[in-house]
């Protein structure tokens, strides 16, 4: 039995002429312990799909089964409990509370479970050590780097030991070094048996996934099984098709070349070319004298 199953799920926003179809009869099945990367152009419905899976939104049509149980049959308090205990969220923009330090941000979900302050702070400190930033637990978010803030966000997502982790562009605001640190954390969680769904635009990140889902116009159009460590071929081909040489690329290349060989360029020119350049310089000098 699949842990997550969507059957012809559609999602509409707005009314009348202003109606937008965000999901169009999307089908998806995710087994327990999978690391699934979800790719597609902006506006194709990736985030809407994640919101429905994470019980932050509900489908307009279709059926969503979580661990074999219809999500539509759950009351709002039951959905809230599932979100709290079974699903962790990691967002592109972190969503840490700026007036609380890292330890307090991490421990916050435990407050809704009625855990005592001492126990939840101890639990939060242990989780921060797990993600490698325990020494920053009393820092405010504004005093951390982007990678450290994202690790704090991952620690907060893990505080309730969820079985499903939803990461929506988790490295979107990070440099290459911090991206690798965050992805290694997610890979470690996957090795421990967590089910991870990650939205990304970066083909490189498909190295960490066991399966890649491709979306277009609100529906799942293709999926690809991948070996951990290899870039998904479909993602790589899509990137290469989109990448075209622009006029700015040409200018940048010429500028780089001129910086490398400015003095040598004239010497390497054929004699005829050097003569033309020398003649032009003499004409320019005569014009200046006349002025």
Protein backbone atom coordinates (compact mmCIF):
# COMPACT_ATOMS: atom_id res chain seq x y z
CA UNK A 1 0.00 0.00 0.00
CA UNK A 2 1.36 3.41 -0.99
CA UNK A 3 2.01 5.94 1.76
CA UNK A 4 0.79 8.80 -0.47
CA UNK A 5 -1.67 8.36 -3.32
CA UNK A 6 -3.42 10.99 -5.43
CA UNK A 7 -6.12 9.89 -7.83
CA UNK A 8 -7.12 12.38 -10.57
CA UNK A 9 -6.71 15.31 -8.20
CA UNK A 10 -7.69 18.75 -9.50
CA UNK A 11 -7.48 22.12 -7.79
CA UNK A 12 -9.32 25.25 -8.88
CA UNK A 13 -8.76 28.77 -7.58
CA UNK A 14 -11.12 31.70 -8.08
CA UNK A 15 -14.64 31.89 -9.50
CA UNK A 16 -16.30 32.35 -12.88
CA UNK A 17 -14.09 33.93 -15.53
CA UNK A 18 -11.28 34.34 -12.98
CA UNK A 19 -11.00 30.59 -12.33
CA UNK A 20 -7.46 29.18 -12.47
CA UNK A 21 -6.78 25.47 -12.87
CA UNK A 22 -3.71 24.79 -10.70
CA UNK A 23 -3.92 20.98 -10.84
CA UNK A 24 -5.56 19.03 -13.64
CA UNK A 25 -6.39 15.40 -12.75
CA UNK A 26 -2.92 14.73 -11.35
CA UNK A 27 -2.04 11.17 -10.36
CA UNK A 28 0.82 10.32 -8.03
CA UNK A 29 1.84 7.38 -5.84
CA UNK A 30 4.71 7.51 -3.33
CA UNK A 31 5.92 4.51 -1.34
CA UNK A 32 7.24 4.75 2.19
CA UNK A 33 10.97 5.56 2.28
CA UNK A 34 11.20 7.09 -1.20
CA UNK A 35 13.08 10.29 -2.03
CA UNK A 36 11.03 11.92 -4.79
CA UNK A 37 12.12 15.06 -6.65
CA UNK A 38 9.39 17.04 -8.39
CA UNK A 39 10.36 19.22 -11.35
CA UNK A 40 8.58 21.42 -13.84
CA UNK A 41 8.35 25.03 -15.06
CA UNK A 42 7.10 27.80 -12.78
CA UNK A 43 3.33 27.77 -12.44
CA UNK A 44 2.91 24.10 -13.32
CA UNK A 45 1.32 23.24 -9.95
CA UNK A 46 4.26 21.86 -7.95
CA UNK A 47 3.63 23.92 -4.81
CA UNK A 48 -0.13 23.32 -4.98
CA UNK A 49 0.56 19.59 -5.15
CA UNK A 50 2.82 19.82 -2.08
CA UNK A 51 0.22 21.81 -0.16
CA UNK A 52 -2.40 19.14 -0.81
CA UNK A 53 -0.04 16.33 0.20
CA UNK A 54 0.91 18.28 3.34
CA UNK A 55 -2.78 18.84 4.24
CA UNK A 56 -2.36 22.59 3.93
CA UNK A 57 -4.99 22.59 1.18
CA UNK A 58 -7.63 20.24 -0.13
CA UNK A 59 -8.41 19.18 -3.71
CA UNK A 60 -11.44 20.52 -5.57
CA UNK A 61 -11.92 17.15 -7.29
CA UNK A 62 -10.31 13.73 -6.97
CA UNK A 63 -9.12 11.68 -4.03
CA UNK A 64 -6.10 11.93 -1.75
CA UNK A 65 -5.19 8.87 0.34
CA UNK A 66 -2.64 9.19 3.16
CA UNK A 67 -1.50 5.81 4.48
CA UNK A 68 -4.58 4.30 2.83
CA UNK A 69 -7.06 6.66 4.50
CA UNK A 70 -9.01 9.34 2.56
CA UNK A 71 -7.84 12.79 3.66
CA UNK A 72 -11.28 14.21 2.81
CA UNK A 73 -12.78 12.21 5.68
CA UNK A 74 -10.54 13.82 8.28
CA UNK A 75 -11.83 16.65 10.47
CA UNK A 76 -9.82 19.86 10.69
CA UNK A 77 -8.41 18.96 14.13
CA UNK A 78 -7.39 15.52 12.83
CA UNK A 79 -5.63 17.08 9.86
CA UNK A 80 -3.84 19.51 12.20
CA UNK A 81 -2.66 16.60 14.36
CA UNK A 82 -1.35 14.73 11.30
CA UNK A 83 0.49 17.83 10.09
CA UNK A 84 2.03 18.26 13.52
CA UNK A 85 3.06 14.65 14.13
CA UNK A 86 3.57 13.05 10.71
CA UNK A 87 4.60 15.78 8.25
CA UNK A 88 7.56 18.16 8.36
CA UNK A 89 7.85 21.23 6.12
CA UNK A 90 10.99 22.94 4.82
CA UNK A 91 10.37 26.11 2.80
CA UNK A 92 12.54 28.15 0.46
CA UNK A 93 12.17 31.28 2.60
CA UNK A 94 12.74 29.46 5.93
CA UNK A 95 9.73 31.04 7.75
CA UNK A 96 11.54 31.32 11.08
CA UNK A 97 10.06 33.80 13.58
CA UNK A 98 12.54 36.73 13.65
CA UNK A 99 11.85 37.67 17.30
CA UNK A 100 12.72 34.19 18.60
CA UNK A 101 16.19 32.65 18.77
CA UNK A 102 17.10 29.43 16.94
CA UNK A 103 16.41 27.21 19.95
CA UNK A 104 12.97 28.73 20.52
CA UNK A 105 12.09 28.47 16.82
CA UNK A 106 13.08 24.82 16.75
CA UNK A 107 11.18 23.96 19.94
CA UNK A 108 7.98 25.79 18.94
CA UNK A 109 6.09 22.78 17.43
CA UNK A 110 6.53 20.90 20.73
CA UNK A 111 4.62 23.62 22.59
CA UNK A 112 1.46 22.52 20.75
CA UNK A 113 1.90 19.01 22.16
CA UNK A 114 1.84 20.25 25.74
CA UNK A 115 5.46 19.34 26.43
CA UNK A 116 7.10 21.17 29.33
CA UNK A 117 9.54 24.01 28.46
CA UNK A 118 12.56 22.18 29.88
CA UNK A 119 11.88 18.99 27.91
CA UNK A 120 11.17 20.76 24.63
CA UNK A 121 14.31 22.93 24.90
CA UNK A 122 16.39 19.80 25.57
CA UNK A 123 14.82 18.05 22.58
CA UNK A 124 15.39 21.11 20.36
CA UNK A 125 19.03 21.37 21.42
CA UNK A 126 19.60 17.70 20.53
CA UNK A 127 18.05 18.20 17.09
CA UNK A 128 20.21 21.29 16.46
CA UNK A 129 23.28 19.23 17.28
CA UNK A 130 22.11 16.66 14.76
CA UNK A 131 22.03 19.28 11.99
CA UNK A 132 25.33 20.81 13.08
CA UNK A 133 24.38 24.21 14.53
CA UNK A 134 24.01 23.59 18.26
CA UNK A 135 26.61 26.29 18.94
CA UNK A 136 24.23 28.80 17.31
CA UNK A 137 21.12 27.87 19.29
CA UNK A 138 20.93 31.24 21.11
CA UNK A 139 21.50 33.30 17.96
CA UNK A 140 18.69 35.26 16.37
CA UNK A 141 17.86 34.29 12.74
CA UNK A 142 19.20 37.59 11.38
CA UNK A 143 22.65 36.73 12.73
CA UNK A 144 22.92 33.45 10.80
CA UNK A 145 23.98 32.69 7.25
CA UNK A 146 21.44 31.39 4.74
CA UNK A 147 22.69 27.82 5.13
CA UNK A 148 22.52 27.99 8.93
CA UNK A 149 18.97 29.37 8.82
CA UNK A 150 17.90 26.56 6.50
CA UNK A 151 19.47 23.98 8.81
CA UNK A 152 17.50 25.53 11.67
CA UNK A 153 14.35 25.21 9.55
CA UNK A 154 15.14 21.54 8.92
CA UNK A 155 15.67 21.02 12.67
CA UNK A 156 12.25 22.54 13.34
CA UNK A 157 10.71 20.24 10.72
CA UNK A 158 12.32 17.21 12.41
CA UNK A 159 11.41 18.08 16.00
CA UNK A 160 8.30 15.85 15.98
CA UNK A 161 10.05 12.97 14.16
CA UNK A 162 7.78 13.11 11.09
CA UNK A 163 7.60 10.20 8.66
CA UNK A 164 7.14 12.55 5.67
CA UNK A 165 9.32 15.58 4.92
CA UNK A 166 8.15 18.08 2.30
CA UNK A 167 10.87 20.42 1.01
CA UNK A 168 9.77 23.19 -1.37
CA UNK A 169 12.90 24.58 -3.10
CA UNK A 170 15.02 24.04 0.05
CA UNK A 171 18.20 25.34 -1.62
CA UNK A 172 16.62 28.10 -3.69
CA UNK A 173 18.25 30.93 -1.68
CA UNK A 174 21.56 29.22 -0.90
CA UNK A 175 25.00 29.23 -2.49
CA UNK A 176 26.55 26.02 -3.78
CA UNK A 177 28.35 25.15 -0.52
CA UNK A 178 25.30 25.63 1.72
CA UNK A 179 23.15 23.78 -0.83
CA UNK A 180 25.41 20.73 -0.55
CA UNK A 181 25.26 20.83 3.26
CA UNK A 182 21.45 21.00 3.26
CA UNK A 183 21.11 18.25 0.64
CA UNK A 184 23.45 15.96 2.57
CA UNK A 185 21.22 16.46 5.61
CA UNK A 186 18.16 15.47 3.57
CA UNK A 187 20.05 12.48 2.14
CA UNK A 188 20.94 11.36 5.67
CA UNK A 189 17.29 11.60 6.70
CA UNK A 190 16.34 9.52 3.67
CA UNK A 191 18.87 6.84 4.64
CA UNK A 192 17.21 6.69 8.05
CA UNK A 193 13.90 5.74 6.43
CA UNK A 194 12.11 9.07 6.03
CA UNK A 195 9.94 9.71 2.98
CA UNK A 196 11.05 12.93 1.30
CA UNK A 197 9.31 14.96 -1.41
CA UNK A 198 11.36 17.81 -2.79
CA UNK A 199 10.39 20.48 -5.31
CA UNK A 200 13.38 21.79 -7.26
CA UNK A 201 14.41 23.48 -10.51
CA UNK A 202 18.02 22.33 -10.22
CA UNK A 203 18.91 19.16 -12.20
CA UNK A 204 21.97 18.63 -9.96
CA UNK A 205 19.73 17.95 -6.95
CA UNK A 206 18.15 14.94 -8.65
CA UNK A 207 21.34 13.08 -7.67
CA UNK A 208 19.80 12.65 -4.22
CA UNK A 209 16.44 11.31 -5.42
CA UNK A 210 15.37 7.75 -6.11
CA UNK A 211 12.62 8.96 -8.47
CA UNK A 212 11.92 12.16 -10.40
CA UNK A 213 8.41 13.39 -11.22
CA UNK A 214 7.93 15.85 -14.10
CA UNK A 215 4.94 18.20 -14.12
CA UNK A 216 3.47 20.42 -16.80
CA UNK A 217 0.23 22.44 -16.91
CA UNK A 218 -0.99 21.12 -13.58
CA UNK A 219 -0.52 17.41 -14.19
CA UNK A 220 2.14 14.72 -13.86
CA UNK A 221 3.38 14.02 -17.38
CA UNK A 222 6.31 11.68 -16.75
CA UNK A 223 8.34 9.97 -14.05
CA UNK A 224 11.84 8.53 -14.03
CA UNK A 225 13.52 6.02 -11.72
CA UNK A 226 17.07 7.10 -10.89
CA UNK A 227 20.12 5.73 -9.12
CA UNK A 228 21.28 7.73 -6.10
CA UNK A 229 24.27 9.79 -7.21
CA UNK A 230 23.23 10.13 -10.86
CA UNK A 231 21.55 13.16 -12.42
CA UNK A 232 18.16 12.27 -13.89
CA UNK A 233 18.51 12.23 -17.68
CA UNK A 234 15.14 13.87 -18.25
CA UNK A 235 16.07 16.78 -15.98
CA UNK A 236 19.45 17.19 -17.64
CA UNK A 237 18.01 17.17 -21.17
CA UNK A 238 15.34 19.70 -20.21
CA UNK A 239 18.00 22.02 -18.80
CA UNK A 240 20.18 21.74 -21.89
CA UNK A 241 17.24 22.44 -24.21
CA UNK A 242 16.37 25.60 -22.31
CA UNK A 243 19.94 26.88 -22.05
CA UNK A 244 20.70 29.01 -25.09
CA UNK A 245 23.57 31.36 -25.83
CA UNK A 246 22.44 34.95 -25.34
CA UNK A 247 24.08 38.20 -26.58
CA UNK A 248 25.23 38.81 -22.99
CA UNK A 249 27.05 35.46 -23.01
CA UNK A 250 28.91 36.53 -26.14
CA UNK A 251 29.88 39.91 -24.63
CA UNK A 252 31.05 38.22 -21.43
CA UNK A 253 33.16 35.79 -23.42
CA UNK A 254 34.79 38.56 -25.49
CA UNK A 255 35.49 40.61 -22.34
CA UNK A 256 37.15 37.65 -20.66
CA UNK A 257 39.27 37.00 -23.75
CA UNK A 258 40.41 40.64 -24.00
CA UNK A 259 41.42 40.65 -20.34
CA UNK A 260 43.59 37.60 -20.95
CA UNK A 261 45.40 38.79 -24.10
CA UNK A 262 45.21 42.60 -24.42
CA UNK A 263 48.92 43.22 -25.09
CA UNK A 264 49.61 40.15 -27.16
CA UNK A 265 46.65 40.61 -29.49
CA UNK A 266 48.25 43.18 -31.80
CA UNK A 267 51.54 41.27 -32.07
CA UNK A 268 49.77 38.11 -33.20
CA UNK A 269 47.82 39.87 -35.94
CA UNK A 270 48.91 39.39 -39.58
CA UNK A 271 51.11 42.17 -40.99
CA UNK A 272 48.30 43.53 -43.16
CA UNK A 273 46.01 43.89 -40.18
CA UNK A 274 48.73 45.63 -38.15
CA UNK A 275 49.29 48.05 -41.02
CA UNK A 276 45.59 48.93 -41.10
CA UNK A 277 45.58 49.56 -37.35
CA UNK A 278 48.75 51.67 -37.56
CA UNK A 279 47.28 53.76 -40.42
CA UNK A 280 44.12 54.40 -38.39
CA UNK A 281 46.21 55.57 -35.44
CA UNK A 282 48.11 58.06 -37.68
CA UNK A 283 44.84 59.45 -39.08
CA UNK A 284 43.51 59.91 -35.58
CA UNK A 285 46.71 61.70 -34.50
CA UNK A 286 46.52 64.10 -37.53
CA UNK A 287 42.91 65.00 -36.70
CA UNK A 288 43.90 65.89 -33.15
CA UNK A 289 46.77 68.13 -34.43
CA UNK A 290 44.43 69.98 -36.77
CA UNK A 291 41.99 70.66 -33.92
